C-alpha atoms as a PDB file:
ATOM      1  CA  MET A   1      15.101 -31.248  11.991  1.00  0.00           C
ATOM      2  CA  THR A   2      16.080 -27.844  10.613  1.00  0.00           C
ATOM      3  CA  ALA A   3      13.526 -25.589   9.043  1.00  0.00           C
ATOM      4  CA  THR A   4      14.336 -24.642   5.480  1.00  0.00           C
ATOM      5  CA  LYS A   5      13.181 -21.360   4.058  1.00  0.00           C
ATOM      6  CA  VAL A   6      11.720 -20.899   0.613  1.00  0.00           C
ATOM      7  CA  SER A   7      13.606 -18.428  -1.573  1.00  0.00           C
ATOM      8  CA  VAL A   8      11.668 -15.587  -3.170  1.00  0.00           C
ATOM      9  CA  SER A   9      13.215 -13.664  -6.063  1.00  0.00           C
ATOM     10  CA  VAL A  10      13.766  -9.925  -5.904  1.00  0.00           C
ATOM     11  CA  ARG A  11      11.349  -9.412  -8.782  1.00  0.00           C
ATOM     12  CA  ALA A  12       8.563 -11.417  -7.105  1.00  0.00           C
ATOM     13  CA  LEU A  13       9.077  -9.697  -3.757  1.00  0.00           C
ATOM     14  CA  LEU A  14       9.094  -6.264  -5.387  1.00  0.00           C
ATOM     15  CA  ALA A  15       5.776  -7.105  -7.081  1.00  0.00           C
ATOM     16  CA  ARG A  16       4.263  -8.209  -3.762  1.00  0.00           C
ATOM     17  CA  VAL A  17       5.407  -5.029  -2.030  1.00  0.00           C
ATOM     18  CA  ASN A  18       4.060  -2.835  -4.828  1.00  0.00           C
ATOM     19  CA  ARG A  19       0.659  -4.546  -4.730  1.00  0.00           C
ATOM     20  CA  LYS A  20       0.495  -3.818  -1.003  1.00  0.00           C
ATOM     21  CA  LEU A  21       1.726  -0.216  -1.362  1.00  0.00           C
ATOM     22  CA  ALA A  22      -0.714   0.570  -4.190  1.00  0.00           C
ATOM     23  CA  HIS A  23      -3.427   1.221  -1.587  1.00  0.00           C
ATOM     24  CA  GLU A  24      -1.245   4.031  -0.191  1.00  0.00           C
ATOM     25  CA  TYR A  25      -0.453   5.426  -3.675  1.00  0.00           C
ATOM     26  CA  LEU A  26       3.211   4.443  -3.314  1.00  0.00           C
ATOM     27  CA  VAL A  27       5.503   2.556  -5.674  1.00  0.00           C
ATOM     28  CA  LEU A  28       8.795   0.933  -4.741  1.00  0.00           C
ATOM     29  CA  LYS A  29      11.322   1.328  -7.548  1.00  0.00           C
ATOM     30  CA  ARG A  30      14.749  -0.158  -8.182  1.00  0.00           C
ATOM     31  CA  CYS A  31      17.670   2.116  -9.017  1.00  0.00           C
ATOM     32  CA  LYS A  32      20.341   0.756 -11.340  1.00  0.00           C
ATOM     33  CA  SER A  33      23.855   0.729  -9.921  1.00  0.00           C
ATOM     34  CA  ASP A  34      25.195   2.733 -12.881  1.00  0.00           C
ATOM     35  CA  SER A  35      22.603   5.488 -12.475  1.00  0.00           C
ATOM     36  CA  ARG A  36      23.839   8.929 -11.522  1.00  0.00           C
ATOM     37  CA  TRP A  37      21.253   8.975  -8.710  1.00  0.00           C
ATOM     38  CA  TYR A  38      22.346   5.633  -7.196  1.00  0.00           C
ATOM     39  CA  ASN A  39      24.348   7.168  -4.332  1.00  0.00           C
ATOM     40  CA  GLU A  40      21.396   9.338  -3.341  1.00  0.00           C
ATOM     41  CA  LEU A  41      18.595   6.768  -3.775  1.00  0.00           C
ATOM     42  CA  GLY A  42      20.227   3.405  -3.036  1.00  0.00           C
ATOM     43  CA  ASP A  43      19.086   0.065  -4.433  1.00  0.00           C
ATOM     44  CA  PHE A  44      15.393   0.747  -3.820  1.00  0.00           C
ATOM     45  CA  TYR A  45      13.361   3.903  -3.239  1.00  0.00           C
ATOM     46  CA  ALA A  46       9.680   4.712  -2.744  1.00  0.00           C
ATOM     47  CA  VAL A  47       7.779   7.221  -4.854  1.00  0.00           C
ATOM     48  CA  SER A  48       4.425   8.784  -4.011  1.00  0.00           C
ATOM     49  CA  ILE A  49       2.239   8.569  -7.099  1.00  0.00           C
ATOM     50  CA  SER A  50      -0.206  11.240  -5.995  1.00  0.00           C
ATOM     51  CA  ARG A  51       2.460  13.825  -5.125  1.00  0.00           C
ATOM     52  CA  ASN A  52       5.174  12.719  -7.598  1.00  0.00           C
ATOM     53  CA  HIS A  53       7.667  12.848  -4.753  1.00  0.00           C
ATOM     54  CA  ILE A  54      10.349  10.498  -3.434  1.00  0.00           C
ATOM     55  CA  ASP A  55       9.112   9.326  -0.026  1.00  0.00           C
ATOM     56  CA  ALA A  56      11.926   6.996   1.022  1.00  0.00           C
ATOM     57  CA  GLN A  57      15.511   6.393  -0.043  1.00  0.00           C
ATOM     58  CA  HIS A  58      17.861   3.462   0.614  1.00  0.00           C
ATOM     59  CA  VAL A  59      14.954   1.094   1.297  1.00  0.00           C
ATOM     60  CA  GLU A  60      15.812  -2.419   2.470  1.00  0.00           C
ATOM     61  CA  LEU A  61      13.483  -4.627   0.413  1.00  0.00           C
ATOM     62  CA  GLU A  62      13.429  -7.624   2.751  1.00  0.00           C
ATOM     63  CA  LYS A  63      12.828  -5.472   5.842  1.00  0.00           C
ATOM     64  CA  TRP A  64       9.954  -3.566   4.211  1.00  0.00           C
ATOM     65  CA  ALA A  65       8.421  -6.794   2.926  1.00  0.00           C
ATOM     66  CA  LYS A  66       8.424  -8.270   6.438  1.00  0.00           C
ATOM     67  CA  GLU A  67       6.924  -5.090   7.924  1.00  0.00           C
ATOM     68  CA  LEU A  68       4.161  -5.083   5.306  1.00  0.00           C
ATOM     69  CA  GLY A  69       3.475  -8.771   5.892  1.00  0.00           C
ATOM     70  CA  VAL A  70       4.119  -9.871   2.305  1.00  0.00           C
ATOM     71  CA  LEU A  71       7.182 -11.967   3.195  1.00  0.00           C
ATOM     72  CA  LYS A  72       6.118 -14.914   5.325  1.00  0.00           C
ATOM     73  CA  PRO A  73       8.288 -16.290   8.174  1.00  0.00           C
ATOM     74  CA  TYR A  74       9.118 -19.389   6.131  1.00  0.00           C
ATOM     75  CA  GLU A  75      10.380 -17.296   3.178  1.00  0.00           C
ATOM     76  CA  LYS A  76      13.613 -15.448   2.518  1.00  0.00           C
ATOM     77  CA  LEU A  77      14.935 -13.138  -0.167  1.00  0.00           C
ATOM     78  CA  ALA A  78      16.981 -15.040  -2.747  1.00  0.00           C
ATOM     79  CA  ASP A  79      20.635 -14.064  -3.084  1.00  0.00           C
END
């Protein structure tokens, strides 16, 4: 029997990550592909709320979610 994984939408996963990062005063934001900053920031980037500074660029949402423990082993990011 094969194990099927439950799909989690990008929006739901982003909300989970942001709830977890709120304790560190960080926010993960999504950059639109037509933005002039897209090449520099990537799809997702992290902003420090307390310092008003970009902490991370080109963030892989699924990887960060797994590292933070908000994406369970039986879940996957929806396409």
